[in-house]
């Protein structure tokens, strides 16, 4: 009917890239706080840690026409030792979790960009409820552990599935998965 509530606007395309602008980094930090502190209660106040000093933040930006509008997804990567990279703090805004491609696109850029920078091994601590997504993206569980009071999987990416991608500063476009 004419007076029914409108569904909130959801962008039709997204740019997945390294966070190169201040507003992108600030948006990634705010989204992480919203998800890991507000929604999940894993941290009090802020989830920032020493890894952030060396990590490369990656963002998924909603696009309004050709202009970036907001940070709707994020993950960070860092090289812990030569050739060994880690991904962490993967988060997608609640209104965009139904899109079905943002988490996978962030993971793809994280691993492929590290691969282009000499990664020989890519690891992540993945919350247990997300392990199936990672398995579908060619990751394997090395061990099940508990972190911050929650079950996690220590997982490793199959690098042969992630070709090196050197243009991470500009990234790529991602589109919502279409309903069957």
N, C-alpha and C. Protein backbone atom coordinates (compact mmCIF):
# COMPACT_ATOMS: atom_id res chain seq x y z
N UNK A 1 0.83 -1.18 0.00
CA UNK A 1 0.00 0.00 0.00
C UNK A 1 0.87 1.25 0.00
N UNK A 2 0.23 2.34 -0.16
CA UNK A 2 0.92 3.61 -0.26
C UNK A 2 1.59 4.00 1.06
N UNK A 3 1.07 3.58 2.18
CA UNK A 3 1.62 3.99 3.46
C UNK A 3 2.47 2.92 4.14
N UNK A 4 2.80 1.85 3.41
CA UNK A 4 3.67 0.81 3.95
C UNK A 4 5.07 1.39 4.14
N UNK A 5 5.78 0.83 5.10
CA UNK A 5 7.15 1.27 5.35
C UNK A 5 8.04 0.95 4.15
N UNK A 6 8.96 1.85 3.89
CA UNK A 6 9.92 1.63 2.81
C UNK A 6 11.09 0.82 3.33
N UNK A 7 11.62 -0.05 2.48
CA UNK A 7 12.86 -0.75 2.83
C UNK A 7 13.99 0.26 2.75
N UNK A 8 14.98 0.15 3.65
CA UNK A 8 16.11 1.09 3.57
C UNK A 8 16.86 0.90 2.25
N UNK A 9 17.42 1.99 1.75
CA UNK A 9 18.20 1.94 0.51
C UNK A 9 19.40 1.03 0.70
N UNK A 10 19.62 0.17 -0.26
CA UNK A 10 20.82 -0.67 -0.30
C UNK A 10 21.48 -0.45 -1.65
N UNK A 11 22.75 -0.14 -1.64
CA UNK A 11 23.48 0.12 -2.88
C UNK A 11 23.44 -1.09 -3.80
N UNK A 12 23.57 -0.83 -5.10
CA UNK A 12 23.54 -1.88 -6.11
C UNK A 12 24.94 -2.33 -6.51
N UNK A 13 25.96 -1.57 -6.10
CA UNK A 13 27.33 -2.00 -6.36
C UNK A 13 28.26 -1.44 -5.29
N UNK A 14 29.43 -2.06 -5.21
CA UNK A 14 30.37 -1.75 -4.14
C UNK A 14 31.78 -1.74 -4.71
N UNK A 15 32.62 -0.88 -4.16
CA UNK A 15 34.04 -0.90 -4.49
C UNK A 15 34.77 -1.50 -3.30
N UNK A 16 35.55 -2.54 -3.55
CA UNK A 16 36.34 -3.20 -2.51
C UNK A 16 37.79 -2.84 -2.77
N UNK A 17 38.44 -2.21 -1.79
CA UNK A 17 39.77 -1.64 -2.01
C UNK A 17 40.50 -1.42 -0.69
N UNK A 18 41.79 -1.13 -0.80
CA UNK A 18 42.52 -0.68 0.38
C UNK A 18 41.92 0.66 0.80
N UNK A 19 41.84 0.91 2.10
CA UNK A 19 41.39 2.20 2.61
C UNK A 19 42.55 3.19 2.40
N UNK A 20 42.37 4.13 1.49
CA UNK A 20 43.43 5.09 1.16
C UNK A 20 43.11 6.50 1.63
N UNK A 21 41.87 6.75 1.99
CA UNK A 21 41.44 8.08 2.44
C UNK A 21 41.13 8.05 3.94
N UNK A 22 41.29 9.19 4.57
CA UNK A 22 41.01 9.27 6.00
C UNK A 22 39.60 8.86 6.36
N UNK A 23 38.60 9.28 5.56
CA UNK A 23 37.21 8.95 5.87
C UNK A 23 36.97 7.44 5.74
N UNK A 24 37.72 6.78 4.83
CA UNK A 24 37.58 5.33 4.69
C UNK A 24 38.14 4.60 5.92
N UNK A 25 39.30 5.04 6.39
CA UNK A 25 39.89 4.44 7.60
C UNK A 25 39.00 4.69 8.82
N UNK A 26 38.47 5.92 8.92
CA UNK A 26 37.58 6.24 10.05
C UNK A 26 36.29 5.41 9.97
N UNK A 27 35.76 5.22 8.77
CA UNK A 27 34.56 4.41 8.59
C UNK A 27 34.80 2.95 8.94
N UNK A 28 35.98 2.44 8.57
CA UNK A 28 36.33 1.06 8.91
C UNK A 28 36.42 0.89 10.43
N UNK A 29 37.05 1.85 11.10
CA UNK A 29 37.16 1.78 12.57
C UNK A 29 35.79 1.85 13.23
N UNK A 30 34.94 2.74 12.73
CA UNK A 30 33.60 2.88 13.30
C UNK A 30 32.78 1.60 13.10
N UNK A 31 32.89 0.99 11.92
CA UNK A 31 32.16 -0.25 11.66
C UNK A 31 32.65 -1.37 12.56
N UNK A 32 33.96 -1.47 12.74
CA UNK A 32 34.51 -2.49 13.65
C UNK A 32 33.98 -2.29 15.07
N UNK A 33 33.98 -1.05 15.55
CA UNK A 33 33.45 -0.78 16.90
C UNK A 33 31.98 -1.19 16.98
N UNK A 34 31.22 -0.84 15.95
CA UNK A 34 29.79 -1.18 15.94
C UNK A 34 29.59 -2.68 16.04
N UNK A 35 30.34 -3.45 15.24
CA UNK A 35 30.15 -4.90 15.19
C UNK A 35 30.77 -5.59 16.40
N UNK A 36 32.05 -5.33 16.67
CA UNK A 36 32.75 -6.11 17.69
C UNK A 36 32.53 -5.63 19.12
N UNK A 37 32.23 -4.33 19.28
CA UNK A 37 31.95 -3.81 20.62
C UNK A 37 30.45 -3.73 20.88
N UNK A 38 29.73 -3.10 19.96
CA UNK A 38 28.29 -2.91 20.15
C UNK A 38 27.48 -4.17 19.98
N UNK A 39 27.54 -4.80 18.80
CA UNK A 39 26.70 -5.98 18.53
C UNK A 39 27.16 -7.22 19.27
N UNK A 40 28.45 -7.52 19.17
CA UNK A 40 28.94 -8.79 19.72
C UNK A 40 29.46 -8.68 21.15
N UNK A 41 29.76 -7.49 21.62
CA UNK A 41 30.25 -7.31 22.98
C UNK A 41 31.59 -7.97 23.26
N UNK A 42 32.41 -8.14 22.22
CA UNK A 42 33.71 -8.79 22.41
C UNK A 42 34.73 -7.89 23.08
N UNK A 43 34.60 -6.58 22.86
CA UNK A 43 35.53 -5.60 23.42
C UNK A 43 34.72 -4.47 24.03
N UNK A 44 35.30 -3.79 24.99
CA UNK A 44 34.63 -2.69 25.64
C UNK A 44 35.14 -1.37 25.06
N UNK A 45 34.27 -0.63 24.41
CA UNK A 45 34.62 0.69 23.90
C UNK A 45 35.29 0.73 22.54
N UNK A 46 36.38 -0.06 22.36
CA UNK A 46 37.12 -0.04 21.10
C UNK A 46 37.81 -1.38 20.91
N UNK A 47 37.94 -1.80 19.66
CA UNK A 47 38.59 -3.08 19.37
C UNK A 47 40.02 -2.89 18.86
N UNK A 48 40.49 -1.66 18.81
CA UNK A 48 41.83 -1.37 18.30
C UNK A 48 42.88 -2.09 19.15
N UNK A 49 43.92 -2.61 18.46
CA UNK A 49 45.02 -3.26 19.17
C UNK A 49 46.33 -2.93 18.45
N UNK A 50 47.44 -3.50 18.91
CA UNK A 50 48.76 -3.20 18.35
C UNK A 50 48.87 -3.58 16.88
N UNK A 51 48.11 -4.56 16.42
CA UNK A 51 48.15 -4.97 15.01
C UNK A 51 47.74 -3.82 14.11
N UNK A 52 46.84 -2.97 14.56
CA UNK A 52 46.39 -1.84 13.75
C UNK A 52 47.53 -0.91 13.34
N UNK A 53 48.60 -0.86 14.13
CA UNK A 53 49.73 0.00 13.79
C UNK A 53 50.44 -0.45 12.51
N UNK A 54 50.35 -1.74 12.18
CA UNK A 54 51.02 -2.27 10.99
C UNK A 54 50.05 -2.76 9.92
N UNK A 55 48.79 -2.90 10.28
CA UNK A 55 47.81 -3.52 9.37
C UNK A 55 47.41 -2.59 8.23
N UNK A 56 47.00 -3.20 7.14
CA UNK A 56 46.42 -2.50 6.00
C UNK A 56 44.91 -2.70 6.07
N UNK A 57 44.15 -1.61 6.25
CA UNK A 57 42.69 -1.76 6.28
C UNK A 57 42.13 -1.85 4.85
N UNK A 58 41.18 -2.73 4.69
CA UNK A 58 40.47 -2.91 3.42
C UNK A 58 39.01 -2.58 3.67
N UNK A 59 38.39 -1.92 2.71
CA UNK A 59 37.00 -1.51 2.87
C UNK A 59 36.15 -1.93 1.69
N UNK A 60 34.86 -2.12 1.95
CA UNK A 60 33.84 -2.25 0.92
C UNK A 60 33.02 -0.97 1.02
N UNK A 61 32.99 -0.21 -0.07
CA UNK A 61 32.29 1.07 -0.11
C UNK A 61 31.00 0.93 -0.91
N UNK A 62 29.89 1.38 -0.35
CA UNK A 62 28.66 1.42 -1.14
C UNK A 62 28.82 2.56 -2.14
N UNK A 63 28.33 2.34 -3.34
CA UNK A 63 28.45 3.36 -4.38
C UNK A 63 27.08 3.95 -4.69
N UNK A 64 27.03 5.25 -4.78
CA UNK A 64 25.84 6.00 -5.17
C UNK A 64 26.18 6.58 -6.53
N UNK A 65 25.73 5.91 -7.58
CA UNK A 65 26.18 6.27 -8.92
C UNK A 65 27.65 5.92 -9.04
N UNK A 66 28.50 6.91 -9.27
CA UNK A 66 29.93 6.64 -9.36
C UNK A 66 30.68 7.10 -8.12
N UNK A 67 29.96 7.67 -7.15
CA UNK A 67 30.61 8.20 -5.95
C UNK A 67 30.49 7.23 -4.78
N UNK A 68 31.59 7.10 -4.05
CA UNK A 68 31.57 6.28 -2.84
C UNK A 68 30.72 6.97 -1.79
N UNK A 69 29.89 6.19 -1.10
CA UNK A 69 28.94 6.76 -0.15
C UNK A 69 29.31 6.45 1.29
N UNK A 70 29.57 5.17 1.61
CA UNK A 70 29.81 4.78 3.01
C UNK A 70 30.61 3.49 3.06
N UNK A 71 31.30 3.29 4.18
CA UNK A 71 32.00 2.03 4.44
C UNK A 71 30.96 1.04 4.97
N UNK A 72 30.74 -0.05 4.23
CA UNK A 72 29.75 -1.05 4.64
C UNK A 72 30.38 -2.41 4.94
N UNK A 73 31.70 -2.50 4.78
CA UNK A 73 32.42 -3.72 5.11
C UNK A 73 33.89 -3.40 5.31
N UNK A 74 34.57 -4.22 6.09
CA UNK A 74 35.99 -4.00 6.33
C UNK A 74 36.67 -5.28 6.78
N UNK A 75 37.96 -5.32 6.58
CA UNK A 75 38.85 -6.36 7.10
C UNK A 75 40.24 -5.73 7.14
N UNK A 76 41.13 -6.29 7.91
CA UNK A 76 42.51 -5.79 7.91
C UNK A 76 43.45 -6.94 7.64
N UNK A 77 44.61 -6.64 7.06
CA UNK A 77 45.64 -7.65 6.82
C UNK A 77 46.97 -7.13 7.32
N UNK A 78 47.83 -8.05 7.70
CA UNK A 78 49.19 -7.66 8.06
C UNK A 78 50.13 -8.84 7.87
N UNK A 79 51.39 -8.51 7.65
CA UNK A 79 52.43 -9.53 7.52
C UNK A 79 53.08 -9.72 8.88
N UNK A 80 52.85 -10.86 9.50
CA UNK A 80 53.36 -11.13 10.84
C UNK A 80 54.85 -11.49 10.81
N UNK A 81 55.26 -12.17 9.77
CA UNK A 81 56.66 -12.52 9.54
C UNK A 81 56.81 -12.68 8.03
N UNK A 82 58.03 -12.63 7.51
CA UNK A 82 58.18 -12.68 6.06
C UNK A 82 57.43 -13.86 5.43
N UNK A 83 56.52 -13.52 4.52
CA UNK A 83 55.75 -14.53 3.80
C UNK A 83 54.49 -15.02 4.48
N UNK A 84 54.30 -14.71 5.76
CA UNK A 84 53.11 -15.14 6.50
C UNK A 84 52.24 -13.94 6.82
N UNK A 85 51.06 -13.95 6.24
CA UNK A 85 50.10 -12.86 6.40
C UNK A 85 48.89 -13.35 7.18
N UNK A 86 48.24 -12.41 7.86
CA UNK A 86 47.04 -12.68 8.63
C UNK A 86 45.94 -11.71 8.23
N UNK A 87 44.72 -12.19 8.23
CA UNK A 87 43.55 -11.35 8.09
C UNK A 87 42.79 -11.35 9.41
N UNK A 88 42.17 -10.23 9.72
CA UNK A 88 41.41 -10.17 10.97
C UNK A 88 40.39 -9.03 10.93
N UNK A 89 39.47 -9.07 11.88
CA UNK A 89 38.44 -8.06 12.08
C UNK A 89 37.55 -7.87 10.84
N UNK A 90 37.14 -8.98 10.23
CA UNK A 90 36.20 -8.93 9.11
C UNK A 90 34.83 -8.53 9.65
N UNK A 91 34.25 -7.47 9.09
CA UNK A 91 32.94 -6.98 9.55
C UNK A 91 32.15 -6.43 8.37
N UNK A 92 30.86 -6.70 8.36
CA UNK A 92 29.94 -6.16 7.36
C UNK A 92 28.79 -5.50 8.12
N UNK A 93 28.42 -4.30 7.69
CA UNK A 93 27.32 -3.57 8.33
C UNK A 93 26.05 -4.40 8.29
N UNK A 94 25.28 -4.33 9.36
CA UNK A 94 24.08 -5.17 9.49
C UNK A 94 23.13 -5.03 8.30
N UNK A 95 22.92 -3.82 7.82
CA UNK A 95 22.00 -3.61 6.70
C UNK A 95 22.50 -4.20 5.39
N UNK A 96 23.76 -4.62 5.34
CA UNK A 96 24.35 -5.13 4.10
C UNK A 96 24.72 -6.61 4.17
N UNK A 97 24.41 -7.27 5.25
CA UNK A 97 24.75 -8.69 5.36
C UNK A 97 23.95 -9.56 4.41
N UNK A 98 22.78 -9.10 4.01
CA UNK A 98 21.93 -9.86 3.07
C UNK A 98 22.45 -9.79 1.63
N UNK A 99 23.37 -8.89 1.35
CA UNK A 99 23.87 -8.71 -0.01
C UNK A 99 24.52 -9.99 -0.52
N UNK A 100 25.21 -10.71 0.35
CA UNK A 100 25.72 -12.03 0.01
C UNK A 100 27.04 -12.05 -0.72
N UNK A 101 27.67 -10.92 -0.93
CA UNK A 101 28.95 -10.94 -1.63
C UNK A 101 30.04 -10.15 -0.91
N UNK A 102 29.69 -9.32 0.04
CA UNK A 102 30.67 -8.42 0.63
C UNK A 102 31.75 -9.14 1.43
N UNK A 103 31.35 -10.07 2.30
CA UNK A 103 32.35 -10.81 3.07
C UNK A 103 33.31 -11.55 2.16
N UNK A 104 32.77 -12.26 1.18
CA UNK A 104 33.61 -13.01 0.25
C UNK A 104 34.52 -12.09 -0.56
N UNK A 105 34.01 -10.94 -0.97
CA UNK A 105 34.83 -9.99 -1.75
C UNK A 105 35.96 -9.41 -0.90
N UNK A 106 35.67 -9.09 0.35
CA UNK A 106 36.72 -8.60 1.25
C UNK A 106 37.80 -9.66 1.46
N UNK A 107 37.38 -10.90 1.65
CA UNK A 107 38.33 -12.00 1.82
C UNK A 107 39.17 -12.17 0.57
N UNK A 108 38.52 -12.11 -0.60
CA UNK A 108 39.24 -12.26 -1.86
C UNK A 108 40.32 -11.20 -2.03
N UNK A 109 39.98 -9.93 -1.76
CA UNK A 109 40.99 -8.89 -1.90
C UNK A 109 42.08 -9.03 -0.85
N UNK A 110 41.71 -9.40 0.36
CA UNK A 110 42.70 -9.56 1.43
C UNK A 110 43.76 -10.58 1.02
N UNK A 111 43.33 -11.75 0.61
CA UNK A 111 44.29 -12.82 0.29
C UNK A 111 45.03 -12.52 -1.02
N UNK A 112 44.31 -12.08 -2.04
CA UNK A 112 44.95 -11.84 -3.34
C UNK A 112 45.95 -10.68 -3.29
N UNK A 113 45.66 -9.64 -2.52
CA UNK A 113 46.60 -8.52 -2.41
C UNK A 113 47.83 -8.93 -1.60
N UNK A 114 47.65 -9.72 -0.56
CA UNK A 114 48.81 -10.23 0.19
C UNK A 114 49.63 -11.16 -0.70
N UNK A 115 48.96 -11.97 -1.50
CA UNK A 115 49.64 -12.88 -2.43
C UNK A 115 50.53 -12.07 -3.38
N UNK A 116 50.06 -10.93 -3.84
CA UNK A 116 50.85 -10.07 -4.73
C UNK A 116 52.05 -9.45 -4.02
N UNK A 117 52.02 -9.42 -2.69
CA UNK A 117 53.10 -8.84 -1.90
C UNK A 117 54.02 -9.90 -1.30
N UNK A 118 53.97 -11.11 -1.85
CA UNK A 118 54.90 -12.15 -1.43
C UNK A 118 54.37 -13.13 -0.40
N UNK A 119 53.07 -13.12 -0.16
CA UNK A 119 52.48 -14.05 0.80
C UNK A 119 52.67 -15.49 0.33
N UNK A 120 53.17 -16.32 1.24
CA UNK A 120 53.28 -17.76 0.99
C UNK A 120 52.32 -18.55 1.88
N UNK A 121 51.77 -17.86 2.90
CA UNK A 121 50.82 -18.48 3.82
C UNK A 121 49.91 -17.39 4.35
N UNK A 122 48.57 -17.63 4.29
CA UNK A 122 47.61 -16.63 4.77
C UNK A 122 46.72 -17.31 5.79
N UNK A 123 46.66 -16.73 7.00
CA UNK A 123 45.95 -17.32 8.13
C UNK A 123 44.91 -16.35 8.69
N UNK A 124 43.96 -16.88 9.42
CA UNK A 124 42.97 -16.06 10.13
C UNK A 124 42.36 -16.87 11.26
N UNK A 125 42.02 -16.16 12.33
CA UNK A 125 41.18 -16.74 13.39
C UNK A 125 39.75 -16.35 13.03
N UNK A 126 38.93 -17.34 12.75
CA UNK A 126 37.58 -17.13 12.23
C UNK A 126 36.57 -17.59 13.29
N UNK A 127 35.60 -16.72 13.60
CA UNK A 127 34.55 -17.13 14.52
C UNK A 127 33.85 -18.37 13.94
N UNK A 128 33.54 -19.31 14.80
CA UNK A 128 33.01 -20.61 14.35
C UNK A 128 31.79 -20.47 13.45
N UNK A 129 30.90 -19.50 13.72
CA UNK A 129 29.71 -19.36 12.88
C UNK A 129 30.04 -18.92 11.46
N UNK A 130 31.27 -18.45 11.22
CA UNK A 130 31.68 -18.02 9.89
C UNK A 130 32.60 -19.01 9.18
N UNK A 131 32.93 -20.11 9.83
CA UNK A 131 33.88 -21.07 9.25
C UNK A 131 33.36 -21.67 7.94
N UNK A 132 32.06 -21.90 7.82
CA UNK A 132 31.51 -22.47 6.59
C UNK A 132 31.75 -21.55 5.40
N UNK A 133 31.55 -20.25 5.57
CA UNK A 133 31.84 -19.30 4.49
C UNK A 133 33.29 -19.44 4.04
N UNK A 134 34.21 -19.50 4.98
CA UNK A 134 35.62 -19.61 4.63
C UNK A 134 35.92 -20.94 3.94
N UNK A 135 35.32 -22.01 4.41
CA UNK A 135 35.52 -23.31 3.74
C UNK A 135 35.05 -23.25 2.28
N UNK A 136 33.92 -22.60 2.05
CA UNK A 136 33.42 -22.44 0.67
C UNK A 136 34.39 -21.64 -0.19
N UNK A 137 35.20 -20.80 0.45
CA UNK A 137 36.18 -19.97 -0.26
C UNK A 137 37.57 -20.59 -0.26
N UNK A 138 37.61 -21.91 -0.05
CA UNK A 138 38.84 -22.70 -0.12
C UNK A 138 39.83 -22.41 1.01
N UNK A 139 39.31 -22.37 2.21
CA UNK A 139 40.12 -22.31 3.42
C UNK A 139 39.95 -23.64 4.14
N UNK A 140 40.94 -23.99 4.95
CA UNK A 140 40.82 -25.21 5.75
C UNK A 140 41.12 -24.88 7.21
N UNK A 141 40.44 -25.62 8.09
CA UNK A 141 40.64 -25.45 9.52
C UNK A 141 41.89 -26.20 9.94
N UNK A 142 42.78 -25.51 10.65
CA UNK A 142 43.98 -26.13 11.20
C UNK A 142 43.75 -26.58 12.63
N UNK A 143 42.90 -25.80 13.34
CA UNK A 143 42.63 -26.12 14.74
C UNK A 143 41.45 -25.29 15.23
N UNK A 144 40.70 -25.85 16.17
CA UNK A 144 39.62 -25.11 16.81
C UNK A 144 40.11 -24.62 18.16
N UNK A 145 39.88 -23.33 18.43
CA UNK A 145 40.38 -22.71 19.65
C UNK A 145 39.31 -21.77 20.22
N UNK A 146 39.58 -21.22 21.39
CA UNK A 146 38.72 -20.22 21.98
C UNK A 146 39.49 -18.91 22.09
N UNK A 147 38.90 -17.82 21.60
CA UNK A 147 39.47 -16.48 21.71
C UNK A 147 38.39 -15.54 22.23
N UNK A 148 38.76 -14.62 23.07
CA UNK A 148 37.84 -13.66 23.70
C UNK A 148 36.52 -14.32 24.11
N UNK A 149 36.62 -15.53 24.64
CA UNK A 149 35.46 -16.23 25.16
C UNK A 149 34.55 -16.84 24.12
N UNK A 150 34.98 -16.92 22.88
CA UNK A 150 34.15 -17.46 21.80
C UNK A 150 34.93 -18.52 21.02
N UNK A 151 34.21 -19.53 20.49
CA UNK A 151 34.89 -20.54 19.68
C UNK A 151 35.31 -19.96 18.32
N UNK A 152 36.53 -20.28 17.94
CA UNK A 152 37.11 -19.83 16.67
C UNK A 152 37.78 -21.01 15.98
N UNK A 153 38.04 -20.84 14.69
CA UNK A 153 38.84 -21.78 13.91
C UNK A 153 40.08 -21.04 13.45
N UNK A 154 41.25 -21.63 13.68
CA UNK A 154 42.47 -21.15 13.03
C UNK A 154 42.41 -21.73 11.63
N UNK A 155 42.35 -20.85 10.61
CA UNK A 155 42.15 -21.31 9.24
C UNK A 155 43.26 -20.80 8.33
N UNK A 156 43.48 -21.56 7.24
CA UNK A 156 44.49 -21.19 6.25
C UNK A 156 43.86 -21.20 4.86
N UNK A 157 44.18 -20.15 4.08
CA UNK A 157 43.66 -20.03 2.72
C UNK A 157 44.47 -20.89 1.75
N UNK A 158 43.80 -21.43 0.76
CA UNK A 158 44.44 -22.12 -0.36
C UNK A 158 44.87 -21.04 -1.35
N UNK A 159 46.14 -20.68 -1.33
CA UNK A 159 46.62 -19.57 -2.17
C UNK A 159 46.45 -19.82 -3.65
N UNK A 160 46.36 -21.09 -4.07
CA UNK A 160 46.19 -21.36 -5.50
C UNK A 160 44.82 -20.87 -6.00
N UNK A 161 43.89 -20.64 -5.10
CA UNK A 161 42.56 -20.15 -5.43
C UNK A 161 42.51 -18.62 -5.51
N UNK A 162 43.56 -17.95 -5.06
CA UNK A 162 43.62 -16.49 -4.96
C UNK A 162 44.80 -15.96 -5.77
N UNK A 163 44.61 -15.67 -7.06
CA UNK A 163 45.72 -15.15 -7.85
C UNK A 163 46.18 -13.80 -7.32
N UNK A 164 47.47 -13.50 -7.43
CA UNK A 164 47.97 -12.20 -6.97
C UNK A 164 47.22 -11.04 -7.63
N UNK A 165 46.89 -10.04 -6.84
CA UNK A 165 46.18 -8.85 -7.32
C UNK A 165 46.91 -7.63 -6.78
N UNK A 166 47.62 -6.92 -7.66
CA UNK A 166 48.48 -5.82 -7.24
C UNK A 166 47.79 -4.46 -7.19
N UNK A 167 46.60 -4.33 -7.75
CA UNK A 167 45.93 -3.03 -7.83
C UNK A 167 44.95 -2.82 -6.67
N UNK A 168 45.36 -3.18 -5.47
CA UNK A 168 44.45 -3.15 -4.32
C UNK A 168 44.06 -1.74 -3.89
N UNK A 169 44.86 -0.74 -4.23
CA UNK A 169 44.50 0.64 -3.87
C UNK A 169 43.24 1.09 -4.60
N UNK A 170 43.03 0.60 -5.82
CA UNK A 170 41.79 0.91 -6.54
C UNK A 170 40.79 -0.22 -6.42
N UNK A 171 41.26 -1.44 -6.23
CA UNK A 171 40.40 -2.59 -5.97
C UNK A 171 39.56 -3.01 -7.15
N UNK A 172 38.34 -3.47 -6.84
CA UNK A 172 37.43 -3.97 -7.88
C UNK A 172 36.00 -3.71 -7.45
N UNK A 173 35.08 -3.85 -8.41
CA UNK A 173 33.67 -3.70 -8.11
C UNK A 173 33.08 -5.04 -7.72
N UNK A 174 32.17 -5.01 -6.77
CA UNK A 174 31.43 -6.20 -6.35
C UNK A 174 29.94 -5.86 -6.48
N UNK A 175 29.17 -6.85 -6.89
CA UNK A 175 27.75 -6.67 -7.10
C UNK A 175 26.97 -7.65 -6.23
N UNK A 176 25.77 -7.24 -5.78
CA UNK A 176 24.97 -8.15 -4.95
C UNK A 176 24.69 -9.45 -5.69
N UNK A 177 24.64 -10.52 -4.93
CA UNK A 177 24.27 -11.82 -5.50
C UNK A 177 22.81 -11.75 -5.87
N UNK A 178 22.47 -12.21 -7.03
CA UNK A 178 21.09 -12.17 -7.51
C UNK A 178 20.31 -13.37 -6.97
N UNK A 179 19.08 -13.13 -6.60
CA UNK A 179 18.21 -14.22 -6.12
C UNK A 179 17.90 -15.18 -7.26
N UNK A 180 17.83 -16.46 -6.95
CA UNK A 180 17.55 -17.48 -7.99
C UNK A 180 16.10 -17.49 -8.38
